């Protein structure tokens, strides 16, 4: 792209929801005016993004945009979730629904750029393939994790945030937004003095990730777990503040050696206010059970979605699924929020990568 601008979408609640088709009909009606603004490098934020983002917000929160010229005759609109995993599938659905509009290219997520073609500058720092190195960090207890140490020669604690931001923007451009977020499990950033292994040119990082992922897919392809006969444990305890806690966990899953085959954790948070001895009252519990059963119908173990645990305490029920991917759980959870609004006090959810379910490890210590 010859130039780009980014606008972090507004947080205003939309007055009227839009469908994907309604959004694209609106965009198509304004496409020539928007093309003129982008192609002449006009006031893109005021004349384009300020018109665009309220429409995107009316579909759902979480869309962000980048725009510029793809070539001399084509403007490009990139829609991104800015790294929020649970919003990625909705970005992809919106772009998939786009019609063909002359003079426009529509892209889901920030794409990879040839590493030789870009240099990132932030403040006094430059980030390019000539400066950045990496090495893999291996863990005997977590052999399938892709953990990368990024080594930058000018790293210093005083400007840590600027340097970290610059390196992550570099990786987004080099690998593409989706790969940078979903294919690397952990990233450490340091200066050369802290490096513990031989340094490798950053241009070889993509090949390394491809090789590791190929090994991973071959190792776990088709791995599924049938939970019908699993043992479960009821855990009773108290929070530090003295509130009662009740958890139900699938103990067979917590001991399973195939955890890495289901590396995505869906965490749902259900709020309640009507309590009996700190626990939900009968009506709330009935709605929680209906919610659980609804989820189980849509996220089945045979398809790669495992109900690992639920925990109830102090006005909140937490539900944890381990999943083979993140797209279907995001769609199901989003639909469940809408379906149970009014029946459950409040519902939120998150999806994150945790290849060895370390965020659920505390359940092993209280059995």
Protein backbone atom coordinates (compact mmCIF):
# COMPACT_ATOMS: atom_id res chain seq x y z
CA UNK A 1 0.00 0.00 0.00
CA UNK A 2 1.35 3.42 -0.90
CA UNK A 3 0.19 4.93 2.41
CA UNK A 4 -2.08 3.92 5.23
CA UNK A 5 -4.14 5.36 8.02
CA UNK A 6 -5.57 3.58 11.01
CA UNK A 7 -8.55 4.51 13.14
CA UNK A 8 -9.38 2.73 16.35
CA UNK A 9 -13.15 2.44 16.06
CA UNK A 10 -15.50 4.38 18.28
CA UNK A 11 -17.03 2.86 21.39
CA UNK A 12 -20.43 4.46 20.95
CA UNK A 13 -23.34 2.07 21.17
CA UNK A 14 -25.03 1.78 17.75
CA UNK A 15 -28.58 3.07 17.53
CA UNK A 16 -29.62 0.52 14.90
CA UNK A 17 -27.90 -2.81 14.17
CA UNK A 18 -26.78 -3.55 10.61
CA UNK A 19 -26.40 -6.80 8.72
CA UNK A 20 -23.34 -7.49 6.57
CA UNK A 21 -25.39 -6.94 3.40
CA UNK A 22 -26.78 -3.62 4.64
CA UNK A 23 -23.28 -2.41 5.43
CA UNK A 24 -21.96 -3.28 1.98
CA UNK A 25 -24.95 -1.68 0.23
CA UNK A 26 -24.15 1.52 2.14
CA UNK A 27 -20.45 1.26 1.29
CA UNK A 28 -21.20 0.63 -2.38
CA UNK A 29 -23.39 3.73 -2.54
CA UNK A 30 -20.49 5.82 -1.19
CA UNK A 31 -17.60 3.95 -2.79
CA UNK A 32 -16.68 6.55 -5.43
CA UNK A 33 -16.52 9.36 -2.88
CA UNK A 34 -14.44 7.21 -0.52
CA UNK A 35 -12.13 6.22 -3.37
CA UNK A 36 -11.52 9.86 -4.21
CA UNK A 37 -10.60 10.63 -0.59
CA UNK A 38 -8.16 7.73 -0.32
CA UNK A 39 -6.58 8.11 -3.77
CA UNK A 40 -5.92 11.85 -3.34
CA UNK A 41 -4.67 11.43 0.25
CA UNK A 42 -7.41 13.70 1.54
CA UNK A 43 -8.59 13.87 5.13
CA UNK A 44 -9.02 10.11 5.40
CA UNK A 45 -9.86 10.10 9.08
CA UNK A 46 -12.55 12.77 8.94
CA UNK A 47 -14.04 12.10 5.52
CA UNK A 48 -13.73 8.31 5.43
CA UNK A 49 -13.10 6.68 8.81
CA UNK A 50 -15.50 8.95 10.73
CA UNK A 51 -18.23 7.86 8.31
CA UNK A 52 -17.13 4.22 8.19
CA UNK A 53 -16.61 3.30 11.83
CA UNK A 54 -20.14 4.05 13.11
CA UNK A 55 -21.47 1.69 10.44
CA UNK A 56 -19.01 -1.01 11.48
CA UNK A 57 -19.91 -0.46 15.14
CA UNK A 58 -23.55 -0.96 14.18
CA UNK A 59 -22.73 -4.48 13.02
CA UNK A 60 -20.80 -5.35 16.20
CA UNK A 61 -17.98 -3.85 18.28
CA UNK A 62 -14.39 -4.79 17.52
CA UNK A 63 -13.76 -3.78 13.90
CA UNK A 64 -10.75 -1.57 13.09
CA UNK A 65 -9.66 -0.29 9.71
CA UNK A 66 -6.58 0.47 7.64
CA UNK A 67 -6.87 2.09 4.23
CA UNK A 68 -4.57 3.13 1.42
CA UNK A 69 -3.79 2.61 -2.25
CA UNK A 70 -3.14 -1.02 -3.20
CA UNK A 71 -1.84 0.10 -6.59
CA UNK A 72 -2.29 3.10 -8.89
CA UNK A 73 -5.95 2.34 -9.62
CA UNK A 74 -7.17 0.31 -6.62
CA UNK A 75 -7.86 1.43 -3.06
CA UNK A 76 -7.60 -1.17 -0.31
CA UNK A 77 -9.68 -1.37 2.85
CA UNK A 78 -8.24 -3.74 5.45
CA UNK A 79 -10.53 -4.66 8.31
CA UNK A 80 -8.77 -6.04 11.37
CA UNK A 81 -9.57 -7.13 14.92
CA UNK A 82 -6.28 -5.60 16.12
CA UNK A 83 -5.23 -8.93 17.57
CA UNK A 84 -8.43 -9.79 19.48
CA UNK A 85 -8.86 -13.52 18.81
CA UNK A 86 -12.60 -13.69 19.52
CA UNK A 87 -13.32 -11.03 16.86
CA UNK A 88 -11.27 -12.51 14.01
CA UNK A 89 -14.01 -14.73 12.58
CA UNK A 90 -16.39 -11.77 12.34
CA UNK A 91 -13.80 -9.79 10.38
CA UNK A 92 -13.52 -12.72 7.98
CA UNK A 93 -17.30 -13.06 7.63
CA UNK A 94 -17.71 -9.37 6.86
CA UNK A 95 -15.03 -9.43 4.16
CA UNK A 96 -16.44 -12.66 2.69
CA UNK A 97 -19.79 -10.88 2.28
CA UNK A 98 -18.25 -7.96 0.34
CA UNK A 99 -19.47 -7.48 -3.25
CA UNK A 100 -17.18 -6.63 -6.14
CA UNK A 101 -16.86 -2.85 -6.23
CA UNK A 102 -14.79 -1.24 -9.01
CA UNK A 103 -11.63 0.42 -7.72
CA UNK A 104 -11.67 -1.37 -4.36
CA UNK A 105 -9.94 -4.36 -2.77
CA UNK A 106 -11.19 -5.65 0.61
CA UNK A 107 -8.91 -7.64 2.91
CA UNK A 108 -9.49 -9.46 6.19
CA UNK A 109 -6.63 -8.90 8.65
CA UNK A 110 -3.35 -7.16 7.95
CA UNK A 111 -1.53 -9.28 5.35
CA UNK A 112 2.09 -10.38 5.33
CA UNK A 113 4.54 -8.09 3.54
CA UNK A 114 7.79 -9.20 1.93
CA UNK A 115 10.40 -8.76 4.64
CA UNK A 116 12.77 -6.98 2.28
CA UNK A 117 10.13 -4.37 1.48
CA UNK A 118 9.60 -2.60 4.78
CA UNK A 119 11.29 -0.86 7.66
CA UNK A 120 9.41 0.24 10.78
CA UNK A 121 10.37 3.48 12.50
CA UNK A 122 9.11 4.37 15.96
CA UNK A 123 10.57 7.30 17.83
CA UNK A 124 14.35 7.04 17.64
CA UNK A 125 14.29 3.32 16.72
CA UNK A 126 14.39 1.48 13.40
CA UNK A 127 13.19 -2.11 13.00
CA UNK A 128 14.37 -4.02 9.95
CA UNK A 129 15.55 -7.50 9.00
CA UNK A 130 19.16 -6.30 9.17
CA UNK A 131 18.86 -5.57 12.89
CA UNK A 132 16.50 -8.17 14.34
CA UNK A 133 17.50 -11.72 15.28
CA UNK A 134 15.74 -14.59 17.05
CA UNK A 135 16.25 -18.02 18.56
CA UNK A 136 13.82 -20.74 19.70
CA UNK A 137 13.26 -21.26 23.42
CA UNK A 138 12.66 -24.93 24.16
CA UNK A 139 10.84 -26.37 27.18
CA UNK A 140 11.16 -30.03 28.10
CA UNK A 141 7.80 -29.98 29.90
CA UNK A 142 6.03 -28.19 27.00
CA UNK A 143 7.69 -29.62 23.87
CA UNK A 144 5.00 -28.44 21.43
CA UNK A 145 5.09 -24.78 22.38
CA UNK A 146 6.54 -22.33 19.87
CA UNK A 147 8.39 -19.93 22.15
CA UNK A 148 10.56 -17.32 20.43
CA UNK A 149 13.20 -14.95 21.81
CA UNK A 150 13.45 -11.80 19.70
CA UNK A 151 16.82 -10.07 20.06
CA UNK A 152 17.08 -6.36 19.22
CA UNK A 153 20.50 -4.66 19.42
CA UNK A 154 19.17 -1.36 20.83
CA UNK A 155 16.89 -2.86 23.48
CA UNK A 156 16.80 -0.94 26.76
CA UNK A 157 14.38 -0.84 29.69
CA UNK A 158 13.88 2.93 29.52
CA UNK A 159 12.19 2.67 26.09
CA UNK A 160 10.87 -0.87 26.51
CA UNK A 161 7.29 -0.09 25.45
CA UNK A 162 8.31 1.73 22.27
CA UNK A 163 10.67 -1.10 21.32
CA UNK A 164 8.14 -3.83 22.08
CA UNK A 165 5.47 -2.05 20.03
CA UNK A 166 7.87 -1.59 17.12
CA UNK A 167 8.88 -5.25 17.13
CA UNK A 168 5.29 -6.46 17.25
CA UNK A 169 4.35 -4.18 14.36
CA UNK A 170 7.36 -5.60 12.49
CA UNK A 171 6.17 -9.18 13.13
CA UNK A 172 2.61 -8.28 12.04
CA UNK A 173 3.98 -7.01 8.74
CA UNK A 174 6.42 -9.86 8.25
CA UNK A 175 4.17 -12.81 9.18
CA UNK A 176 0.75 -11.27 8.66
CA UNK A 177 -1.62 -10.46 11.51
CA UNK A 178 -3.23 -13.89 11.86
CA UNK A 179 0.00 -15.89 11.81
CA UNK A 180 1.77 -13.50 14.17
CA UNK A 181 -1.02 -13.89 16.72
CA UNK A 182 -2.10 -17.52 16.35
CA UNK A 183 1.03 -19.49 15.44
CA UNK A 184 3.46 -18.28 18.10
CA UNK A 185 2.72 -19.30 21.69
CA UNK A 186 5.13 -16.98 23.51
CA UNK A 187 7.50 -14.16 22.59
CA UNK A 188 10.36 -12.87 24.72
CA UNK A 189 12.13 -9.63 23.79
CA UNK A 190 15.67 -8.83 24.89
CA UNK A 191 19.01 -7.30 24.03
CA UNK A 192 22.05 -9.31 22.83
CA UNK A 193 23.59 -9.48 26.32
CA UNK A 194 20.63 -11.55 27.57
CA UNK A 195 20.54 -14.00 24.67
CA UNK A 196 21.22 -17.62 25.66
CA UNK A 197 21.45 -19.29 22.25
CA UNK A 198 22.98 -18.70 18.84
CA UNK A 199 21.16 -15.91 17.01
CA UNK A 200 19.32 -16.59 13.75
CA UNK A 201 18.35 -14.05 11.06
CA UNK A 202 14.73 -12.95 11.49
CA UNK A 203 14.15 -13.74 7.81
CA UNK A 204 14.27 -17.44 8.75
CA UNK A 205 11.52 -17.17 11.39
CA UNK A 206 8.64 -17.99 9.04
CA UNK A 207 10.34 -21.17 7.81
CA UNK A 208 10.98 -22.21 11.41
CA UNK A 209 7.32 -21.68 12.38
CA UNK A 210 6.13 -23.56 9.27
CA UNK A 211 8.35 -26.53 10.19
CA UNK A 212 7.21 -26.58 13.82
CA UNK A 213 3.55 -26.32 12.87
CA UNK A 214 3.87 -29.12 10.30
CA UNK A 215 5.31 -31.35 13.03
CA UNK A 216 2.52 -30.35 15.39
CA UNK A 217 -0.27 -31.05 12.89
CA UNK A 218 1.19 -34.44 11.98
CA UNK A 219 1.49 -35.36 15.66
CA UNK A 220 -2.07 -34.41 16.65
CA UNK A 221 -4.06 -34.74 13.42
CA UNK A 222 -7.47 -36.23 14.20
CA UNK A 223 -6.88 -36.35 17.96
CA UNK A 224 -10.21 -36.31 19.79
CA UNK A 225 -11.34 -37.18 23.30
CA UNK A 226 -14.71 -38.76 24.14
CA UNK A 227 -15.83 -37.38 27.50
CA UNK A 228 -18.86 -39.66 27.98
CA UNK A 229 -17.09 -41.94 30.45
CA UNK A 230 -14.79 -39.35 32.05
CA UNK A 231 -14.57 -39.02 35.81
CA UNK A 232 -15.55 -35.69 37.29
CA UNK A 233 -14.75 -34.17 40.67
CA UNK A 234 -16.72 -31.66 42.73
CA UNK A 235 -14.45 -29.19 44.51
CA UNK A 236 -15.70 -27.18 47.49
CA UNK A 237 -13.68 -24.32 48.93
CA UNK A 238 -13.53 -20.66 49.79
CA UNK A 239 -12.06 -17.54 48.24
CA UNK A 240 -9.54 -15.45 50.16
CA UNK A 241 -12.48 -13.24 51.15
CA UNK A 242 -14.39 -16.19 52.58
CA UNK A 243 -16.92 -16.65 49.77
CA UNK A 244 -17.91 -20.28 49.04
CA UNK A 245 -16.62 -21.82 45.79
CA UNK A 246 -18.01 -24.87 44.02
CA UNK A 247 -16.25 -26.26 40.94
CA UNK A 248 -16.95 -29.28 38.75
CA UNK A 249 -13.93 -30.46 36.76
CA UNK A 250 -13.33 -33.25 34.26
CA UNK A 251 -10.42 -34.99 36.00
CA UNK A 252 -9.71 -37.26 33.04
CA UNK A 253 -9.16 -34.24 30.80
CA UNK A 254 -6.86 -32.59 33.33
CA UNK A 255 -4.67 -35.72 33.22
CA UNK A 256 -4.91 -36.14 29.43
CA UNK A 257 -1.60 -36.16 27.54
CA UNK A 258 -3.19 -34.76 24.37
CA UNK A 259 -3.94 -31.27 25.68
CA UNK A 260 -1.88 -29.53 23.00
CA UNK A 261 -4.26 -30.85 20.32
CA UNK A 262 -6.91 -28.50 21.76
CA UNK A 263 -4.86 -25.33 22.34
CA UNK A 264 -7.62 -22.70 22.46
CA UNK A 265 -9.44 -21.93 25.71
CA UNK A 266 -12.95 -20.51 25.61
CA UNK A 267 -13.74 -18.84 28.93
CA UNK A 268 -17.31 -17.76 29.61
CA UNK A 269 -18.25 -15.53 32.54
CA UNK A 270 -21.88 -15.57 33.69
CA UNK A 271 -23.00 -13.06 36.31
CA UNK A 272 -25.73 -13.55 38.93
CA UNK A 273 -27.16 -11.41 41.72
CA UNK A 274 -29.85 -13.60 43.31
CA UNK A 275 -28.05 -15.79 45.82
CA UNK A 276 -28.68 -18.42 48.43
CA UNK A 277 -25.66 -18.80 50.73
CA UNK A 278 -23.51 -17.26 48.02
CA UNK A 279 -24.72 -19.63 45.30
CA UNK A 280 -27.26 -18.87 42.53
CA UNK A 281 -30.93 -19.20 43.49
CA UNK A 282 -33.09 -21.90 41.88
CA UNK A 283 -34.27 -19.78 38.94
CA UNK A 284 -30.75 -18.64 38.12
CA UNK A 285 -29.42 -22.17 38.40
CA UNK A 286 -32.09 -23.35 35.97
CA UNK A 287 -30.94 -20.75 33.43
CA UNK A 288 -27.30 -21.73 33.98
CA UNK A 289 -28.12 -25.38 33.34
CA UNK A 290 -30.01 -24.48 30.16
CA UNK A 291 -27.01 -22.42 29.05
CA UNK A 292 -24.68 -25.37 29.72
CA UNK A 293 -26.84 -27.82 27.79
CA UNK A 294 -27.17 -25.40 24.89
CA UNK A 295 -23.38 -25.07 24.71
CA UNK A 296 -22.86 -28.83 24.85
CA UNK A 297 -25.19 -29.27 21.88
CA UNK A 298 -23.17 -26.84 19.78
CA UNK A 299 -19.63 -27.51 21.01
CA UNK A 300 -19.27 -31.29 20.96
CA UNK A 301 -16.29 -33.30 22.10
CA UNK A 302 -16.38 -35.38 18.92
CA UNK A 303 -15.85 -32.18 16.91
CA UNK A 304 -12.95 -31.01 19.07
CA UNK A 305 -14.55 -28.95 21.85
CA UNK A 306 -14.07 -30.20 25.41
CA UNK A 307 -15.98 -28.99 28.46
CA UNK A 308 -13.19 -28.98 31.07
CA UNK A 309 -14.55 -27.17 34.12
CA UNK A 310 -17.05 -24.80 35.64
CA UNK A 311 -16.73 -22.79 38.82
CA UNK A 312 -19.37 -20.85 40.76
CA UNK A 313 -18.65 -18.25 43.43
CA UNK A 314 -19.45 -14.73 44.58
CA UNK A 315 -21.86 -13.73 41.82
CA UNK A 316 -20.03 -15.35 38.91
CA UNK A 317 -19.97 -18.69 37.12
CA UNK A 318 -16.91 -19.45 34.98
CA UNK A 319 -17.10 -22.07 32.22
CA UNK A 320 -14.00 -23.40 30.44
CA UNK A 321 -13.82 -25.24 27.11
CA UNK A 322 -10.62 -26.46 25.45
CA UNK A 323 -11.00 -26.20 21.68
CA UNK A 324 -9.23 -27.34 18.53
CA UNK A 325 -9.82 -23.92 16.91
CA UNK A 326 -11.08 -20.47 17.84
CA UNK A 327 -13.55 -19.55 15.09
CA UNK A 328 -16.58 -21.73 15.89
CA UNK A 329 -16.35 -21.12 19.67
CA UNK A 330 -16.35 -17.37 19.03
CA UNK A 331 -19.47 -17.60 16.88
CA UNK A 332 -21.27 -19.87 19.34
CA UNK A 333 -20.37 -17.76 22.38
CA UNK A 334 -21.39 -14.54 20.64
CA UNK A 335 -24.76 -16.03 19.71
CA UNK A 336 -25.26 -17.31 23.25
CA UNK A 337 -24.76 -13.81 24.67
CA UNK A 338 -27.65 -12.61 22.51
CA UNK A 339 -29.84 -15.65 23.17
CA UNK A 340 -29.56 -15.48 26.96
CA UNK A 341 -29.72 -11.71 27.40
CA UNK A 342 -32.56 -11.14 29.85
CA UNK A 343 -32.31 -14.64 31.30
CA UNK A 344 -28.79 -14.29 32.73
CA UNK A 345 -27.68 -11.08 34.44
CA UNK A 346 -24.52 -10.61 32.39
CA UNK A 347 -22.48 -12.74 29.99
CA UNK A 348 -18.96 -12.14 28.70
CA UNK A 349 -16.41 -14.41 27.04
CA UNK A 350 -12.81 -14.56 25.97
CA UNK A 351 -10.72 -16.88 23.79
CA UNK A 352 -6.99 -17.29 24.26
CA UNK A 353 -4.25 -19.72 23.31
CA UNK A 354 -3.00 -21.99 26.08
CA UNK A 355 -1.50 -25.07 24.48
CA UNK A 356 -0.97 -26.93 27.76
CA UNK A 357 -3.98 -25.51 29.64
CA UNK A 358 -1.71 -23.83 32.17
CA UNK A 359 -4.50 -21.40 33.07
CA UNK A 360 -6.48 -24.40 34.41
CA UNK A 361 -3.57 -25.89 36.34
CA UNK A 362 -4.93 -24.65 39.68
CA UNK A 363 -7.72 -27.24 39.47
CA UNK A 364 -5.11 -29.99 39.68
CA UNK A 365 -3.91 -28.68 43.02
CA UNK A 366 -7.26 -28.69 44.77
CA UNK A 367 -8.53 -32.15 43.84
